[in-house]
Amino acid sequence: MSSESKLREAIATLGASLFERNLTHGSSGNISVRVDDGWLMTPTGSSLGRLDPARISKLDDAGGHIDGDKPTKETFLHLAMYRKNAKAGAVVHLHSTYSVAVSCLADIDPKDVLPPLTAYYVMRIGKLPLIPYYPPGDPALGDAVAGLADRHHALLLANHGPVVAGPGLDQAADAVEELEQTAKLHLLLRRELTRPLTDEQVKELRRRFPGN
């Protein structure tokens, strides 16, 4: 099996796992992976729970569709992350419940949406900026993502959901799942006195685990 075939299988396996665990629903969410001559992306209107590896879209270096079904209509989000972040090897975009819920709150810091509740959130996400609301498919959303993607590998789209890049598919998936669980914790604790990590503890984590 070629490396591209293995990546197609890996995308389908991850999609099914996300769907079965209710991290995506219906035809929401999309996944992409960088390959030597372009990108693989999940097709538009497809359920991540029922992906056919052979029908996953392929785009060339310029973002043109060259194989498989028509790519996700949110292709521009993925390309903005890749073109501004040379380390990005995969991107996962979800409409996961708790992350979307947090993105709808009125009293969050748009420069850093979630508090550092756990070490793994700091290690896998770091700071999480909020992108203002744009209608689905609006090219201006791609421009907004591009404006931050060179400094942040994880972004939260207002009233929409997270977009997370990683060096590979496993890392991008781990990070977006960590984000979702931290969003859940944040909502569970909103009416409780909390003890997030201190600034010094966060600095020490970033010293030990640079890159986020």
Foldseek 3Di string as FASTA:
>chain_A
DDPLLVVLVVQLVVLLVCVVVQQADQQFKKKKFADPFFIWIAAARDRSNDDDSQQTWTAGPVRHTDHHHHHHLVSLQVVLLCVLAVLFGMKIWHQGDLLLVQLADPPADQFAGAFQADLVLCQLFNGEHEQEEDPPSPVVSSVSSSVCSNPGQWYAYRNGTIMGTHNGDVSRSVNRVVVSVRSVVCVVCVVPDGDHDDPVVSVVSCVVRPDD
